[in-house]
Amino acid sequence: MKLFLPEPLRVGELPIKAKEISKAYGSLKVLKDLNFTIVRGERIALLGANGTGKSTLIKILNGVLEPDRGEVIRDENLSIGYYSQEFESFDLNKTLLESLTEKCSFSEGAARAFLGRFNFLGNKVFQRIGSLSGGEKTRLSIALLTGNNHNLLILDEPTTYLDVLSQRIILDTLKEYQGTMIIVSHTEEFINELSPDKAFLMPEGQMVFWSEDLLEKVGEV
């Protein structure tokens, strides 16, 4: 059974534009005067060693954090699906099936089939989210994001808890996704298979066209 992802909501040519973004924590300047534009449909790998401000930047783009200076201009039709390792959006007392039917426009039958795509089979769909492993929560989180019609996915280290099978399941789903994507990952194979259009380099604050030469920067920690 072929399950198609929902069509992303229509959005303008420039979903996000960042102007003079700066952020500091006390005396530590994490981001300084960043300027860039994200074009509809682009896949962007956010690259840099830990501590260079990647998570801070994507939280600002998502509106979770406010910059100290500068602004993020978002298209009025922008709909962001945000993955973080903290899973703060989960109701841990809900079952997988309850969560998917409530957050996505699926019937119960379609939700069970969609969860099966992410290797949640049989009675597993009735398990409470709080009892899932880290890798299972990652798979469920990506299912919830791609089961909606978000036109921008921001993914912060989705490969952290994944075994080989889970990584393949999520890769195959994300490769099918037709919207705009910003992804942080230190897994070279994962980034390479997603075929980014561009990379945003940290701490340089530069947007560049993708080249396989950048894969060595993916592994920096």
C-alpha atoms as a PDB file:
ATOM      1  CA  MET A   1       0.000   0.000   0.000  1.00  0.00           C
ATOM      2  CA  LYS A   2       1.524   3.301  -1.110  1.00  0.00           C
ATOM      3  CA  LEU A   3       0.962   6.083   1.431  1.00  0.00           C
ATOM      4  CA  PHE A   4       1.503   9.611   0.152  1.00  0.00           C
ATOM      5  CA  LEU A   5       2.450  12.508   2.394  1.00  0.00           C
ATOM      6  CA  PRO A   6      -0.010  15.409   2.615  1.00  0.00           C
ATOM      7  CA  GLU A   7       0.667  18.226   0.134  1.00  0.00           C
ATOM      8  CA  PRO A   8       2.415  21.149   1.894  1.00  0.00           C
ATOM      9  CA  LEU A   9       0.390  24.332   2.300  1.00  0.00           C
ATOM     10  CA  ARG A  10       0.995  26.961  -0.361  1.00  0.00           C
ATOM     11  CA  VAL A  11       3.581  29.525   0.688  1.00  0.00           C
ATOM     12  CA  GLY A  12       5.366  32.441  -0.963  1.00  0.00           C
ATOM     13  CA  GLU A  13       8.673  32.229  -2.809  1.00  0.00           C
ATOM     14  CA  LEU A  14      10.585  33.355   0.298  1.00  0.00           C
ATOM     15  CA  PRO A  15       9.163  31.576   3.379  1.00  0.00           C
ATOM     16  CA  ILE A  16      11.785  33.097   5.719  1.00  0.00           C
ATOM     17  CA  LYS A  17      14.160  36.029   5.560  1.00  0.00           C
ATOM     18  CA  ALA A  18      16.601  36.798   8.402  1.00  0.00           C
ATOM     19  CA  LYS A  19      17.959  40.321   8.778  1.00  0.00           C
ATOM     20  CA  GLU A  20      20.850  41.232  11.079  1.00  0.00           C
ATOM     21  CA  ILE A  21      20.105  38.436  13.579  1.00  0.00           C
ATOM     22  CA  SER A  22      22.195  38.595  16.762  1.00  0.00           C
ATOM     23  CA  LYS A  23      21.912  36.646  20.022  1.00  0.00           C
ATOM     24  CA  ALA A  24      24.044  36.514  23.150  1.00  0.00           C
ATOM     25  CA  TYR A  25      23.833  34.725  26.482  1.00  0.00           C
ATOM     26  CA  GLY A  26      25.440  37.128  28.903  1.00  0.00           C
ATOM     27  CA  SER A  27      28.894  37.909  27.555  1.00  0.00           C
ATOM     28  CA  LEU A  28      28.827  34.940  25.147  1.00  0.00           C
ATOM     29  CA  LYS A  29      27.926  36.139  21.637  1.00  0.00           C
ATOM     30  CA  VAL A  30      26.376  33.162  19.862  1.00  0.00           C
ATOM     31  CA  LEU A  31      24.996  34.802  16.704  1.00  0.00           C
ATOM     32  CA  LYS A  32      26.159  38.078  15.167  1.00  0.00           C
ATOM     33  CA  ASP A  33      24.515  39.992  12.332  1.00  0.00           C
ATOM     34  CA  LEU A  34      23.268  36.991  10.340  1.00  0.00           C
ATOM     35  CA  ASN A  35      21.567  37.721   7.024  1.00  0.00           C
ATOM     36  CA  PHE A  36      20.082  35.095   4.728  1.00  0.00           C
ATOM     37  CA  THR A  37      17.008  34.171   2.715  1.00  0.00           C
ATOM     38  CA  ILE A  38      15.403  30.743   2.399  1.00  0.00           C
ATOM     39  CA  VAL A  39      13.717  29.940  -0.909  1.00  0.00           C
ATOM     40  CA  ARG A  40      10.598  27.789  -1.141  1.00  0.00           C
ATOM     41  CA  GLY A  41      11.392  24.100  -1.661  1.00  0.00           C
ATOM     42  CA  GLU A  42      15.049  24.303  -0.651  1.00  0.00           C
ATOM     43  CA  ARG A  43      16.701  21.681   1.523  1.00  0.00           C
ATOM     44  CA  ILE A  44      19.295  23.341   3.720  1.00  0.00           C
ATOM     45  CA  ALA A  45      21.846  21.543   5.885  1.00  0.00           C
ATOM     46  CA  LEU A  46      22.803  23.627   8.923  1.00  0.00           C
ATOM     47  CA  LEU A  47      26.436  22.702   9.535  1.00  0.00           C
ATOM     48  CA  GLY A  48      28.914  23.428  12.292  1.00  0.00           C
ATOM     49  CA  ALA A  49      30.452  22.001  15.430  1.00  0.00           C
ATOM     50  CA  ASN A  50      28.474  21.836  18.660  1.00  0.00           C
ATOM     51  CA  GLY A  51      28.376  25.173  20.415  1.00  0.00           C
ATOM     52  CA  THR A  52      28.389  27.300  17.265  1.00  0.00           C
ATOM     53  CA  GLY A  53      24.763  28.382  17.672  1.00  0.00           C
ATOM     54  CA  LYS A  54      22.841  26.007  15.399  1.00  0.00           C
ATOM     55  CA  SER A  55      20.095  25.175  17.903  1.00  0.00           C
ATOM     56  CA  THR A  56      19.811  28.824  18.929  1.00  0.00           C
ATOM     57  CA  LEU A  57      19.374  29.857  15.300  1.00  0.00           C
ATOM     58  CA  ILE A  58      16.637  27.362  14.501  1.00  0.00           C
ATOM     59  CA  LYS A  59      14.772  28.259  17.689  1.00  0.00           C
ATOM     60  CA  ILE A  60      14.844  31.894  16.558  1.00  0.00           C
ATOM     61  CA  LEU A  61      13.618  30.939  13.075  1.00  0.00           C
ATOM     62  CA  ASN A  62      10.829  28.938  14.676  1.00  0.00           C
ATOM     63  CA  GLY A  63       9.868  31.739  17.073  1.00  0.00           C
ATOM     64  CA  VAL A  64      10.787  29.778  20.204  1.00  0.00           C
ATOM     65  CA  LEU A  65      13.493  32.368  20.978  1.00  0.00           C
ATOM     66  CA  GLU A  66      13.624  36.062  20.178  1.00  0.00           C
ATOM     67  CA  PRO A  67      16.846  37.573  18.805  1.00  0.00           C
ATOM     68  CA  ASP A  68      18.535  40.342  20.779  1.00  0.00           C
ATOM     69  CA  ARG A  69      18.737  42.349  17.573  1.00  0.00           C
ATOM     70  CA  GLY A  70      17.429  41.954  14.038  1.00  0.00           C
ATOM     71  CA  GLU A  71      14.262  40.292  12.788  1.00  0.00           C
ATOM     72  CA  VAL A  72      12.897  37.190  11.110  1.00  0.00           C
ATOM     73  CA  ILE A  73      10.408  37.945   8.349  1.00  0.00           C
ATOM     74  CA  ARG A  74       8.024  35.011   7.860  1.00  0.00           C
ATOM     75  CA  ASP A  75       5.604  34.531   4.982  1.00  0.00           C
ATOM     76  CA  GLU A  76       2.004  34.909   6.170  1.00  0.00           C
ATOM     77  CA  ASN A  77       1.225  31.354   5.025  1.00  0.00           C
ATOM     78  CA  LEU A  78       4.285  29.791   6.638  1.00  0.00           C
ATOM     79  CA  SER A  79       3.541  26.637   8.658  1.00  0.00           C
ATOM     80  CA  ILE A  80       6.544  25.228  10.531  1.00  0.00           C
ATOM     81  CA  GLY A  81       6.923  21.654  11.727  1.00  0.00           C
ATOM     82  CA  TYR A  82       9.671  21.607  14.362  1.00  0.00           C
ATOM     83  CA  TYR A  83      11.521  18.547  15.654  1.00  0.00           C
ATOM     84  CA  SER A  84      13.678  18.819  18.759  1.00  0.00           C
ATOM     85  CA  GLN A  85      15.282  16.117  20.862  1.00  0.00           C
ATOM     86  CA  GLU A  86      13.301  17.157  23.951  1.00  0.00           C
ATOM     87  CA  PHE A  87       9.937  15.944  22.532  1.00  0.00           C
ATOM     88  CA  GLU A  88       8.263  18.780  24.466  1.00  0.00           C
ATOM     89  CA  SER A  89       5.184  18.749  22.221  1.00  0.00           C
ATOM     90  CA  PHE A  90       4.179  15.187  23.195  1.00  0.00           C
ATOM     91  CA  ASP A  91       1.340  14.357  25.571  1.00  0.00           C
ATOM     92  CA  LEU A  92       3.006  11.321  27.148  1.00  0.00           C
ATOM     93  CA  ASN A  93      -0.312   9.912  28.378  1.00  0.00           C
ATOM     94  CA  LYS A  94      -1.792   9.658  24.882  1.00  0.00           C
ATOM     95  CA  THR A  95      -1.496   6.552  22.754  1.00  0.00           C
ATOM     96  CA  LEU A  96       0.253   6.733  19.378  1.00  0.00           C
ATOM     97  CA  LEU A  97      -3.090   6.367  17.593  1.00  0.00           C
ATOM     98  CA  GLU A  98      -4.774   9.079  19.673  1.00  0.00           C
ATOM     99  CA  SER A  99      -1.922  11.486  19.042  1.00  0.00           C
ATOM    100  CA  LEU A 100      -1.902  10.990  15.266  1.00  0.00           C
ATOM    101  CA  THR A 101      -5.681  11.214  14.793  1.00  0.00           C
ATOM    102  CA  GLU A 102      -5.838  14.372  16.944  1.00  0.00           C
ATOM    103  CA  LYS A 103      -2.909  16.202  15.330  1.00  0.00           C
ATOM    104  CA  CYS A 104      -3.313  15.079  11.708  1.00  0.00           C
ATOM    105  CA  SER A 105      -6.357  14.852   9.434  1.00  0.00           C
ATOM    106  CA  PHE A 106      -6.472  11.045   9.393  1.00  0.00           C
ATOM    107  CA  SER A 107      -9.271   8.600  10.030  1.00  0.00           C
ATOM    108  CA  GLU A 108      -8.410   5.830  12.479  1.00  0.00           C
ATOM    109  CA  GLY A 109      -7.781   3.387   9.639  1.00  0.00           C
ATOM    110  CA  ALA A 110      -5.549   5.813   7.737  1.00  0.00           C
ATOM    111  CA  ALA A 111      -3.701   6.678  10.955  1.00  0.00           C
ATOM    112  CA  ARG A 112      -2.982   3.001  11.658  1.00  0.00           C
ATOM    113  CA  ALA A 113      -1.708   2.552   8.102  1.00  0.00           C
ATOM    114  CA  PHE A 114       0.450   5.685   8.377  1.00  0.00           C
ATOM    115  CA  LEU A 115       1.903   4.540  11.703  1.00  0.00           C
ATOM    116  CA  GLY A 116       2.673   1.191  10.076  1.00  0.00           C
ATOM    117  CA  ARG A 117       4.841   3.042   7.599  1.00  0.00           C
ATOM    118  CA  PHE A 118       6.966   4.056  10.604  1.00  0.00           C
ATOM    119  CA  ASN A 119       7.096   0.462  11.858  1.00  0.00           C
ATOM    120  CA  PHE A 120       4.411   0.862  14.532  1.00  0.00           C
ATOM    121  CA  LEU A 121       2.474  -2.306  13.830  1.00  0.00           C
ATOM    122  CA  GLY A 122      -0.482  -4.125  15.365  1.00  0.00           C
ATOM    123  CA  ASN A 123      -1.256  -3.279  18.992  1.00  0.00           C
ATOM    124  CA  LYS A 124       1.807  -1.020  19.169  1.00  0.00           C
ATOM    125  CA  VAL A 125      -0.453   1.860  18.087  1.00  0.00           C
ATOM    126  CA  PHE A 126      -2.297   1.598  21.431  1.00  0.00           C
ATOM    127  CA  GLN A 127       0.890   2.021  23.487  1.00  0.00           C
ATOM    128  CA  ARG A 128       1.252   5.212  25.511  1.00  0.00           C
ATOM    129  CA  ILE A 129       3.849   7.640  24.214  1.00  0.00           C
ATOM    130  CA  GLY A 130       5.567   7.919  27.600  1.00  0.00           C
ATOM    131  CA  SER A 131       6.608   4.259  27.408  1.00  0.00           C
ATOM    132  CA  LEU A 132       8.367   4.581  24.021  1.00  0.00           C
ATOM    133  CA  SER A 133      12.137   4.472  23.603  1.00  0.00           C
ATOM    134  CA  GLY A 134      14.025   7.515  22.330  1.00  0.00           C
ATOM    135  CA  GLY A 135      14.219   6.079  18.810  1.00  0.00           C
ATOM    136  CA  GLU A 136      10.490   5.267  18.783  1.00  0.00           C
ATOM    137  CA  LYS A 137       9.660   8.803  19.934  1.00  0.00           C
ATOM    138  CA  THR A 138      11.780  10.149  17.085  1.00  0.00           C
ATOM    139  CA  ARG A 139       9.910   8.008  14.561  1.00  0.00           C
ATOM    140  CA  LEU A 140       6.562   9.124  16.000  1.00  0.00           C
ATOM    141  CA  SER A 141       7.641  12.768  15.975  1.00  0.00           C
ATOM    142  CA  ILE A 142       8.589  12.595  12.274  1.00  0.00           C
ATOM    143  CA  ALA A 143       5.302  10.800  11.556  1.00  0.00           C
ATOM    144  CA  LEU A 144       3.377  13.648  13.205  1.00  0.00           C
ATOM    145  CA  LEU A 145       5.355  16.300  11.313  1.00  0.00           C
ATOM    146  CA  THR A 146       5.038  14.692   7.880  1.00  0.00           C
ATOM    147  CA  GLY A 147       1.421  13.667   8.523  1.00  0.00           C
ATOM    148  CA  ASN A 148       0.548  17.367   8.630  1.00  0.00           C
ATOM    149  CA  ASN A 149       0.736  19.778   5.695  1.00  0.00           C
ATOM    150  CA  HIS A 150       3.543  21.977   7.077  1.00  0.00           C
ATOM    151  CA  ASN A 151       5.448  23.795   4.343  1.00  0.00           C
ATOM    152  CA  LEU A 152       8.690  24.066   6.338  1.00  0.00           C
ATOM    153  CA  LEU A 153      10.285  21.347   8.463  1.00  0.00           C
ATOM    154  CA  ILE A 154      13.018  22.319  10.942  1.00  0.00           C
ATOM    155  CA  LEU A 155      14.757  19.206  12.241  1.00  0.00           C
ATOM    156  CA  ASP A 156      17.288  19.469  15.076  1.00  0.00           C
ATOM    157  CA  GLU A 157      19.381  16.280  15.291  1.00  0.00           C
ATOM    158  CA  PRO A 158      16.686  13.735  14.333  1.00  0.00           C
ATOM    159  CA  THR A 159      19.292  10.956  14.009  1.00  0.00           C
ATOM    160  CA  THR A 160      20.464  11.026  17.643  1.00  0.00           C
ATOM    161  CA  TYR A 161      18.460   8.041  18.928  1.00  0.00           C
ATOM    162  CA  LEU A 162      18.056   6.120  15.683  1.00  0.00           C
ATOM    163  CA  ASP A 163      19.065   2.573  14.858  1.00  0.00           C
ATOM    164  CA  VAL A 164      19.799   1.696  11.231  1.00  0.00           C
ATOM    165  CA  LEU A 165      16.218   0.617  10.444  1.00  0.00           C
ATOM    166  CA  SER A 166      14.694   3.752  11.997  1.00  0.00           C
ATOM    167  CA  GLN A 167      17.136   5.963  10.113  1.00  0.00           C
ATOM    168  CA  ARG A 168      16.123   4.334   6.829  1.00  0.00           C
ATOM    169  CA  ILE A 169      12.396   4.729   7.573  1.00  0.00           C
ATOM    170  CA  ILE A 170      12.786   8.432   8.350  1.00  0.00           C
ATOM    171  CA  LEU A 171      15.128   9.054   5.416  1.00  0.00           C
ATOM    172  CA  ASP A 172      12.703   7.516   2.943  1.00  0.00           C
ATOM    173  CA  THR A 173       9.877   9.675   4.322  1.00  0.00           C
ATOM    174  CA  LEU A 174      11.851  12.934   4.327  1.00  0.00           C
ATOM    175  CA  LYS A 175      13.110  12.309   0.778  1.00  0.00           C
ATOM    176  CA  GLU A 176       9.461  12.204  -0.312  1.00  0.00           C
ATOM    177  CA  TYR A 177       8.585  15.464   1.478  1.00  0.00           C
ATOM    178  CA  GLN A 178       7.946  18.298  -1.015  1.00  0.00           C
ATOM    179  CA  GLY A 179       8.233  21.345   1.256  1.00  0.00           C
ATOM    180  CA  THR A 180      11.200  23.371   2.499  1.00  0.00           C
ATOM    181  CA  MET A 181      13.561  21.742   4.997  1.00  0.00           C
ATOM    182  CA  ILE A 182      16.267  22.876   7.417  1.00  0.00           C
ATOM    183  CA  ILE A 183      18.134  20.026   9.062  1.00  0.00           C
ATOM    184  CA  VAL A 184      20.868  19.663  11.663  1.00  0.00           C
ATOM    185  CA  SER A 185      22.590  16.279  11.786  1.00  0.00           C
ATOM    186  CA  HIS A 186      26.110  14.968  12.397  1.00  0.00           C
ATOM    187  CA  THR A 187      25.368  11.793  10.384  1.00  0.00           C
ATOM    188  CA  GLU A 188      27.061  12.123   6.986  1.00  0.00           C
ATOM    189  CA  GLU A 189      25.023   9.432   5.221  1.00  0.00           C
ATOM    190  CA  PHE A 190      21.754  10.968   6.413  1.00  0.00           C
ATOM    191  CA  ILE A 191      22.617  14.448   5.119  1.00  0.00           C
ATOM    192  CA  ASN A 192      24.070  13.150   1.849  1.00  0.00           C
ATOM    193  CA  GLU A 193      20.989  11.056   1.018  1.00  0.00           C
ATOM    194  CA  LEU A 194      18.697  14.029   1.607  1.00  0.00           C
ATOM    195  CA  SER A 195      20.571  15.813  -1.224  1.00  0.00           C
ATOM    196  CA  PRO A 196      20.634  19.355   0.206  1.00  0.00           C
ATOM    197  CA  ASP A 197      20.473  22.302  -2.140  1.00  0.00           C
ATOM    198  CA  LYS A 198      22.476  24.548   0.162  1.00  0.00           C
ATOM    199  CA  ALA A 199      24.354  24.576   3.452  1.00  0.00           C
ATOM    200  CA  PHE A 200      24.372  27.282   6.089  1.00  0.00           C
ATOM    201  CA  LEU A 201      27.785  27.254   7.744  1.00  0.00           C
ATOM    202  CA  MET A 202      28.293  28.036  11.414  1.00  0.00           C
ATOM    203  CA  PRO A 203      29.980  29.953  12.957  1.00  0.00           C
ATOM    204  CA  GLU A 204      30.788  31.665   9.630  1.00  0.00           C
ATOM    205  CA  GLY A 205      27.148  32.615   9.090  1.00  0.00           C
ATOM    206  CA  GLN A 206      27.362  31.908   5.348  1.00  0.00           C
ATOM    207  CA  MET A 207      24.852  30.321   2.975  1.00  0.00           C
ATOM    208  CA  VAL A 208      26.603  28.298   0.242  1.00  0.00           C
ATOM    209  CA  PHE A 209      25.526  25.904  -2.483  1.00  0.00           C
ATOM    210  CA  TRP A 210      25.821  22.257  -1.476  1.00  0.00           C
ATOM    211  CA  SER A 211      28.935  20.295  -2.349  1.00  0.00           C
ATOM    212  CA  GLU A 212      29.941  16.818  -1.219  1.00  0.00           C
ATOM    213  CA  ASP A 213      33.153  18.423   0.023  1.00  0.00           C
ATOM    214  CA  LEU A 214      31.027  19.768   2.878  1.00  0.00           C
ATOM    215  CA  LEU A 215      30.357  16.270   4.208  1.00  0.00           C
ATOM    216  CA  GLU A 216      33.515  16.453   6.318  1.00  0.00           C
ATOM    217  CA  LYS A 217      31.934  19.430   8.103  1.00  0.00           C
ATOM    218  CA  VAL A 218      28.803  17.336   8.856  1.00  0.00           C
ATOM    219  CA  GLY A 219      30.789  15.130  11.229  1.00  0.00           C
ATOM    220  CA  GLU A 220      32.228  18.010  13.260  1.00  0.00           C
ATOM    221  CA  VAL A 221      31.185  17.819  16.902  1.00  0.00           C
END
